[in-house]
């Protein structure tokens, strides 16, 4: 399983790309709550010929209708502890976002 994601277009910011990619891949409109992770990959790491910068956001669904894009095989909501397998580093990204959410709730008390 993986998280929605993709490339930033020349005319947009990383947050705009996150909203667009989520809409394209899931049909959902989202509100970004916070950035939880920035991960850098140098050219040559993991066999990639170019630099990668991953921005990970915790978000909430605010609208839209679920649909599966041509890029996906299945669209499903999972509890993090029940996901059968993950793509790449997506599990760690999801767990980091969950930790931010738990910390936010704890701070609000």
C-alpha atoms as a PDB file:
ATOM      1  CA  UNK A   1       0.000   0.000   0.000  1.00  0.00           C
ATOM      2  CA  UNK A   2       1.159   3.516  -0.610  1.00  0.00           C
ATOM      3  CA  UNK A   3       0.313   7.117   0.070  1.00  0.00           C
ATOM      4  CA  UNK A   4      -0.783   9.557  -2.649  1.00  0.00           C
ATOM      5  CA  UNK A   5       2.151  11.426  -4.142  1.00  0.00           C
ATOM      6  CA  UNK A   6       3.907  12.682  -7.217  1.00  0.00           C
ATOM      7  CA  UNK A   7       5.986  15.397  -8.789  1.00  0.00           C
ATOM      8  CA  UNK A   8       5.681  19.138  -8.216  1.00  0.00           C
ATOM      9  CA  UNK A   9       4.741  20.919 -11.454  1.00  0.00           C
ATOM     10  CA  UNK A  10       6.819  24.000 -12.434  1.00  0.00           C
ATOM     11  CA  UNK A  11       3.970  26.403 -11.574  1.00  0.00           C
ATOM     12  CA  UNK A  12       3.090  25.027  -8.125  1.00  0.00           C
ATOM     13  CA  UNK A  13       4.417  24.768  -4.591  1.00  0.00           C
ATOM     14  CA  UNK A  14       4.878  21.457  -2.724  1.00  0.00           C
ATOM     15  CA  UNK A  15       1.642  21.988  -0.728  1.00  0.00           C
ATOM     16  CA  UNK A  16      -0.282  22.685  -3.947  1.00  0.00           C
ATOM     17  CA  UNK A  17       1.195  19.522  -5.478  1.00  0.00           C
ATOM     18  CA  UNK A  18       0.121  17.462  -2.439  1.00  0.00           C
ATOM     19  CA  UNK A  19      -3.467  18.689  -2.757  1.00  0.00           C
ATOM     20  CA  UNK A  20      -3.514  18.112  -6.546  1.00  0.00           C
ATOM     21  CA  UNK A  21      -1.920  14.646  -6.399  1.00  0.00           C
ATOM     22  CA  UNK A  22      -4.331  13.527  -3.679  1.00  0.00           C
ATOM     23  CA  UNK A  23      -7.305  14.748  -5.733  1.00  0.00           C
ATOM     24  CA  UNK A  24      -5.992  13.057  -8.902  1.00  0.00           C
ATOM     25  CA  UNK A  25      -5.179   9.742  -7.215  1.00  0.00           C
ATOM     26  CA  UNK A  26      -8.108   9.435  -4.790  1.00  0.00           C
ATOM     27  CA  UNK A  27     -10.857  11.894  -5.743  1.00  0.00           C
ATOM     28  CA  UNK A  28     -10.647  13.539  -2.321  1.00  0.00           C
ATOM     29  CA  UNK A  29     -10.273  17.238  -1.623  1.00  0.00           C
ATOM     30  CA  UNK A  30      -7.997  17.757   1.363  1.00  0.00           C
ATOM     31  CA  UNK A  31      -6.929  20.450   3.776  1.00  0.00           C
ATOM     32  CA  UNK A  32      -3.264  20.236   4.741  1.00  0.00           C
ATOM     33  CA  UNK A  33      -2.882  20.445   8.525  1.00  0.00           C
ATOM     34  CA  UNK A  34       0.901  20.336   8.888  1.00  0.00           C
ATOM     35  CA  UNK A  35       4.073  19.166   7.226  1.00  0.00           C
ATOM     36  CA  UNK A  36       5.370  16.170   9.183  1.00  0.00           C
ATOM     37  CA  UNK A  37       8.446  15.104   7.208  1.00  0.00           C
ATOM     38  CA  UNK A  38      10.955  16.359   4.657  1.00  0.00           C
ATOM     39  CA  UNK A  39      13.184  13.603   3.273  1.00  0.00           C
ATOM     40  CA  UNK A  40      16.089  14.210   0.876  1.00  0.00           C
ATOM     41  CA  UNK A  41      17.605  11.659  -1.520  1.00  0.00           C
ATOM     42  CA  UNK A  42      20.835  12.448  -3.392  1.00  0.00           C
ATOM     43  CA  UNK A  43      21.381  11.351  -6.999  1.00  0.00           C
ATOM     44  CA  UNK A  44      22.556   7.751  -6.984  1.00  0.00           C
ATOM     45  CA  UNK A  45      20.777   6.784  -3.745  1.00  0.00           C
ATOM     46  CA  UNK A  46      18.402   3.875  -4.262  1.00  0.00           C
ATOM     47  CA  UNK A  47      19.463   3.812  -7.923  1.00  0.00           C
ATOM     48  CA  UNK A  48      17.748   7.131  -8.667  1.00  0.00           C
ATOM     49  CA  UNK A  49      19.501   9.321 -11.263  1.00  0.00           C
ATOM     50  CA  UNK A  50      18.238  12.600  -9.770  1.00  0.00           C
ATOM     51  CA  UNK A  51      17.582  14.304  -6.444  1.00  0.00           C
ATOM     52  CA  UNK A  52      14.321  13.565  -4.637  1.00  0.00           C
ATOM     53  CA  UNK A  53      12.767  15.707  -1.923  1.00  0.00           C
ATOM     54  CA  UNK A  54       9.735  14.150  -0.230  1.00  0.00           C
ATOM     55  CA  UNK A  55       7.361  16.495   1.597  1.00  0.00           C
ATOM     56  CA  UNK A  56       4.864  14.628   3.770  1.00  0.00           C
ATOM     57  CA  UNK A  57       1.752  16.347   5.119  1.00  0.00           C
ATOM     58  CA  UNK A  58      -0.873  15.352   7.639  1.00  0.00           C
ATOM     59  CA  UNK A  59      -4.228  16.287   6.158  1.00  0.00           C
ATOM     60  CA  UNK A  60      -7.967  15.924   6.507  1.00  0.00           C
ATOM     61  CA  UNK A  61     -10.532  15.054   3.860  1.00  0.00           C
ATOM     62  CA  UNK A  62     -12.884  17.994   3.308  1.00  0.00           C
ATOM     63  CA  UNK A  63     -14.759  16.846   0.208  1.00  0.00           C
ATOM     64  CA  UNK A  64     -14.721  14.964  -3.035  1.00  0.00           C
ATOM     65  CA  UNK A  65     -15.778  11.452  -3.917  1.00  0.00           C
ATOM     66  CA  UNK A  66     -13.457   8.472  -3.707  1.00  0.00           C
ATOM     67  CA  UNK A  67     -12.288   7.122  -7.057  1.00  0.00           C
ATOM     68  CA  UNK A  68      -9.338   5.022  -8.111  1.00  0.00           C
ATOM     69  CA  UNK A  69      -6.926   6.592 -10.573  1.00  0.00           C
ATOM     70  CA  UNK A  70      -5.146   4.692 -13.327  1.00  0.00           C
ATOM     71  CA  UNK A  71      -2.020   4.758 -11.113  1.00  0.00           C
ATOM     72  CA  UNK A  72      -3.582   2.722  -8.317  1.00  0.00           C
ATOM     73  CA  UNK A  73      -4.798  -0.811  -7.814  1.00  0.00           C
ATOM     74  CA  UNK A  74      -7.056  -0.275  -4.820  1.00  0.00           C
ATOM     75  CA  UNK A  75      -8.424   2.651  -2.809  1.00  0.00           C
ATOM     76  CA  UNK A  76      -9.141   1.761   0.788  1.00  0.00           C
ATOM     77  CA  UNK A  77      -8.954   3.301   4.259  1.00  0.00           C
ATOM     78  CA  UNK A  78      -6.798   1.268   6.636  1.00  0.00           C
ATOM     79  CA  UNK A  79      -5.877   1.423  10.286  1.00  0.00           C
ATOM     80  CA  UNK A  80      -2.096   1.792  10.265  1.00  0.00           C
ATOM     81  CA  UNK A  81      -1.592  -1.379  12.273  1.00  0.00           C
ATOM     82  CA  UNK A  82      -3.622  -3.409   9.762  1.00  0.00           C
ATOM     83  CA  UNK A  83      -1.945  -2.473   6.465  1.00  0.00           C
ATOM     84  CA  UNK A  84      -0.668  -5.779   5.009  1.00  0.00           C
ATOM     85  CA  UNK A  85       2.363  -4.312   3.188  1.00  0.00           C
ATOM     86  CA  UNK A  86       3.766  -0.895   2.310  1.00  0.00           C
ATOM     87  CA  UNK A  87       5.529   0.728  -0.663  1.00  0.00           C
ATOM     88  CA  UNK A  88       9.007   2.043   0.128  1.00  0.00           C
ATOM     89  CA  UNK A  89       9.113   4.435   3.065  1.00  0.00           C
ATOM     90  CA  UNK A  90       5.367   5.131   3.137  1.00  0.00           C
ATOM     91  CA  UNK A  91       4.901   3.207   6.397  1.00  0.00           C
ATOM     92  CA  UNK A  92       7.419   5.403   8.217  1.00  0.00           C
ATOM     93  CA  UNK A  93       5.852   8.543   6.712  1.00  0.00           C
ATOM     94  CA  UNK A  94       2.387   7.457   7.893  1.00  0.00           C
ATOM     95  CA  UNK A  95       3.670   6.635  11.378  1.00  0.00           C
ATOM     96  CA  UNK A  96       5.399  10.025  11.628  1.00  0.00           C
ATOM     97  CA  UNK A  97       2.147  11.766  10.700  1.00  0.00           C
ATOM     98  CA  UNK A  98       0.312   9.700  13.311  1.00  0.00           C
ATOM     99  CA  UNK A  99       2.865  10.673  15.973  1.00  0.00           C
ATOM    100  CA  UNK A 100       2.313  14.353  15.110  1.00  0.00           C
ATOM    101  CA  UNK A 101      -1.434  13.879  15.475  1.00  0.00           C
ATOM    102  CA  UNK A 102      -1.058  12.160  18.864  1.00  0.00           C
ATOM    103  CA  UNK A 103       1.309  14.903  20.073  1.00  0.00           C
ATOM    104  CA  UNK A 104      -1.143  17.586  18.938  1.00  0.00           C
ATOM    105  CA  UNK A 105      -3.991  15.941  20.854  1.00  0.00           C
ATOM    106  CA  UNK A 106      -1.801  15.566  23.956  1.00  0.00           C
ATOM    107  CA  UNK A 107      -0.740  19.237  23.801  1.00  0.00           C
ATOM    108  CA  UNK A 108      -4.381  20.337  23.503  1.00  0.00           C
ATOM    109  CA  UNK A 109      -5.282  18.785  26.868  1.00  0.00           C
END
